[in-house]
N, C-alpha and C. Protein backbone atom coordinates (compact mmCIF):
# COMPACT_ATOMS: atom_id res chain seq x y z
N MET A 1 48.23 70.96 -55.94
CA MET A 1 48.09 70.00 -54.87
C MET A 1 46.76 69.27 -55.05
N LYS A 2 46.78 67.96 -55.03
CA LYS A 2 45.58 67.15 -55.21
C LYS A 2 44.87 66.96 -53.88
N LYS A 3 43.55 66.95 -53.98
CA LYS A 3 42.77 66.63 -52.79
C LYS A 3 42.56 65.12 -52.76
N HIS A 4 42.75 64.54 -51.62
CA HIS A 4 42.55 63.11 -51.45
C HIS A 4 41.15 62.86 -50.92
N ASN A 5 40.57 61.78 -51.38
CA ASN A 5 39.26 61.40 -50.85
C ASN A 5 39.42 60.94 -49.41
N ILE A 6 38.65 61.53 -48.55
CA ILE A 6 38.67 61.13 -47.15
C ILE A 6 37.55 60.14 -46.94
N MET A 7 37.92 58.93 -46.57
CA MET A 7 36.93 57.88 -46.34
C MET A 7 36.39 57.99 -44.92
N ILE A 8 35.11 58.17 -44.79
CA ILE A 8 34.47 58.21 -43.48
C ILE A 8 33.82 56.85 -43.27
N PRO A 9 34.21 56.15 -42.22
CA PRO A 9 33.65 54.81 -42.01
C PRO A 9 32.16 54.87 -41.67
N LYS A 10 31.43 53.90 -42.19
CA LYS A 10 30.01 53.79 -41.90
C LYS A 10 29.85 53.12 -40.54
N PRO A 11 28.99 53.63 -39.69
CA PRO A 11 28.83 53.01 -38.37
C PRO A 11 28.25 51.60 -38.48
N ARG A 12 28.65 50.73 -37.55
CA ARG A 12 28.17 49.36 -37.54
C ARG A 12 26.79 49.25 -36.88
N SER A 13 26.36 50.29 -36.22
CA SER A 13 25.08 50.27 -35.53
C SER A 13 24.09 51.18 -36.24
N ASN A 14 22.82 50.89 -36.07
CA ASN A 14 21.79 51.74 -36.65
C ASN A 14 20.47 51.50 -35.93
N PHE A 15 19.47 52.24 -36.31
CA PHE A 15 18.15 52.08 -35.74
C PHE A 15 17.33 51.13 -36.61
N VAL A 16 16.52 50.31 -35.96
CA VAL A 16 15.68 49.36 -36.69
C VAL A 16 14.25 49.46 -36.16
N LYS A 17 13.31 49.21 -37.04
CA LYS A 17 11.90 49.13 -36.66
C LYS A 17 11.60 47.66 -36.41
N ILE A 18 11.16 47.35 -35.18
CA ILE A 18 10.94 45.96 -34.77
C ILE A 18 9.47 45.76 -34.44
N GLU A 19 8.95 44.62 -34.87
CA GLU A 19 7.56 44.25 -34.57
C GLU A 19 7.56 43.13 -33.54
N CYS A 20 6.74 43.27 -32.51
CA CYS A 20 6.60 42.24 -31.49
C CYS A 20 5.90 41.04 -32.09
N GLU A 21 6.42 39.84 -31.83
CA GLU A 21 5.84 38.61 -32.36
C GLU A 21 4.48 38.31 -31.72
N SER A 22 4.27 38.73 -30.48
CA SER A 22 3.03 38.41 -29.76
C SER A 22 1.86 39.30 -30.14
N CYS A 23 2.10 40.62 -30.11
CA CYS A 23 0.97 41.55 -30.27
C CYS A 23 1.08 42.45 -31.50
N GLN A 24 2.12 42.31 -32.30
CA GLN A 24 2.34 43.08 -33.53
C GLN A 24 2.50 44.59 -33.29
N GLU A 25 2.89 44.99 -32.10
CA GLU A 25 3.22 46.40 -31.82
C GLU A 25 4.59 46.69 -32.39
N THR A 26 4.80 47.88 -32.96
CA THR A 26 6.09 48.23 -33.55
C THR A 26 6.80 49.25 -32.68
N MET A 27 8.13 49.13 -32.64
CA MET A 27 8.98 50.07 -31.91
C MET A 27 10.23 50.32 -32.73
N ILE A 28 10.84 51.49 -32.56
CA ILE A 28 12.11 51.81 -33.20
C ILE A 28 13.17 51.74 -32.11
N LEU A 29 14.17 50.86 -32.33
CA LEU A 29 15.19 50.60 -31.33
C LEU A 29 16.57 50.68 -31.94
N TYR A 30 17.58 50.82 -31.07
CA TYR A 30 18.98 50.88 -31.48
C TYR A 30 19.59 49.49 -31.41
N THR A 31 20.41 49.13 -32.39
CA THR A 31 20.95 47.77 -32.45
C THR A 31 22.02 47.49 -31.39
N TYR A 32 22.64 48.51 -30.82
CA TYR A 32 23.61 48.33 -29.74
C TYR A 32 22.98 48.79 -28.44
N SER A 33 21.95 48.11 -28.04
CA SER A 33 21.22 48.46 -26.82
C SER A 33 22.04 48.11 -25.59
N THR A 34 21.94 48.90 -24.55
CA THR A 34 22.69 48.65 -23.32
C THR A 34 21.83 48.00 -22.24
N LYS A 35 20.57 47.74 -22.54
CA LYS A 35 19.71 47.06 -21.57
C LYS A 35 18.66 46.24 -22.31
N THR A 36 18.02 45.32 -21.59
CA THR A 36 16.96 44.51 -22.16
C THR A 36 15.72 45.38 -22.34
N ILE A 37 15.10 45.31 -23.51
CA ILE A 37 13.93 46.13 -23.81
C ILE A 37 12.73 45.23 -24.02
N GLN A 38 11.62 45.60 -23.36
CA GLN A 38 10.40 44.83 -23.45
C GLN A 38 9.34 45.61 -24.23
N CYS A 39 8.37 44.88 -24.78
CA CYS A 39 7.26 45.48 -25.50
C CYS A 39 6.41 46.29 -24.52
N LYS A 40 5.91 47.42 -24.96
CA LYS A 40 5.12 48.29 -24.09
C LYS A 40 3.76 47.71 -23.74
N SER A 41 3.18 46.94 -24.65
CA SER A 41 1.82 46.46 -24.41
C SER A 41 1.76 45.08 -23.78
N CYS A 42 2.64 44.14 -24.19
CA CYS A 42 2.53 42.77 -23.67
C CYS A 42 3.72 42.33 -22.82
N ASN A 43 4.72 43.18 -22.64
CA ASN A 43 5.91 42.92 -21.84
C ASN A 43 6.76 41.74 -22.33
N ALA A 44 6.65 41.37 -23.59
CA ALA A 44 7.52 40.35 -24.16
C ALA A 44 8.89 40.99 -24.45
N GLU A 45 9.97 40.22 -24.29
CA GLU A 45 11.30 40.74 -24.55
C GLU A 45 11.53 40.90 -26.05
N LEU A 46 11.97 42.10 -26.44
CA LEU A 46 12.26 42.38 -27.85
C LEU A 46 13.75 42.40 -28.13
N VAL A 47 14.53 42.94 -27.18
CA VAL A 47 15.97 43.09 -27.36
C VAL A 47 16.66 42.66 -26.07
N ILE A 48 17.72 41.85 -26.21
CA ILE A 48 18.50 41.42 -25.06
C ILE A 48 19.93 41.94 -25.22
N ASN A 49 20.45 42.56 -24.16
CA ASN A 49 21.80 43.09 -24.17
C ASN A 49 22.80 41.94 -24.14
N THR A 50 23.80 41.98 -25.00
CA THR A 50 24.84 40.95 -25.02
C THR A 50 26.23 41.54 -24.79
N GLY A 51 26.31 42.82 -24.43
CA GLY A 51 27.60 43.45 -24.23
C GLY A 51 28.15 44.09 -25.48
N GLY A 52 27.49 43.97 -26.56
CA GLY A 52 27.90 44.54 -27.85
C GLY A 52 26.66 44.70 -28.70
N HIS A 53 26.67 44.05 -29.85
CA HIS A 53 25.50 44.06 -30.73
C HIS A 53 24.38 43.29 -30.04
N ALA A 54 23.24 43.93 -29.83
CA ALA A 54 22.13 43.32 -29.08
C ALA A 54 21.49 42.18 -29.85
N LYS A 55 20.95 41.21 -29.12
CA LYS A 55 20.22 40.10 -29.73
C LYS A 55 18.77 40.53 -29.88
N ILE A 56 18.28 40.59 -31.12
CA ILE A 56 16.93 41.06 -31.41
C ILE A 56 16.01 39.86 -31.54
N LEU A 57 14.97 39.82 -30.70
CA LEU A 57 14.05 38.70 -30.68
C LEU A 57 12.81 38.95 -31.53
N GLY A 58 12.47 40.21 -31.75
CA GLY A 58 11.30 40.54 -32.55
C GLY A 58 11.62 40.47 -34.04
N LYS A 59 10.62 40.72 -34.85
CA LYS A 59 10.77 40.71 -36.32
C LYS A 59 11.23 42.08 -36.79
N ILE A 60 12.35 42.13 -37.52
CA ILE A 60 12.87 43.40 -38.04
C ILE A 60 12.08 43.74 -39.30
N ILE A 61 11.40 44.88 -39.26
CA ILE A 61 10.58 45.32 -40.39
C ILE A 61 11.40 46.21 -41.33
N GLU A 62 12.16 47.13 -40.75
CA GLU A 62 12.85 48.13 -41.56
C GLU A 62 14.12 48.57 -40.85
N THR A 63 15.16 48.87 -41.63
CA THR A 63 16.40 49.42 -41.08
C THR A 63 16.46 50.90 -41.45
N MET A 64 16.64 51.74 -40.44
CA MET A 64 16.72 53.19 -40.65
C MET A 64 18.18 53.57 -40.88
N ASP A 65 18.43 54.46 -41.83
CA ASP A 65 19.78 54.94 -42.09
C ASP A 65 19.95 56.37 -41.67
């Protein structure tokens, strides 16, 4: 009996390291955010909830796998 390769789908969401455009503070956030996220130091909006894949306003530095 042959074993079949079981394909496991890769998730469409992941964690990203985002830098604030105003103050250069970095945060690690989820790409499918359920709420608007603001920078801790300057209160600028970094992520806006769109009901699915979040709109990222900051600069993406790195994608975490």
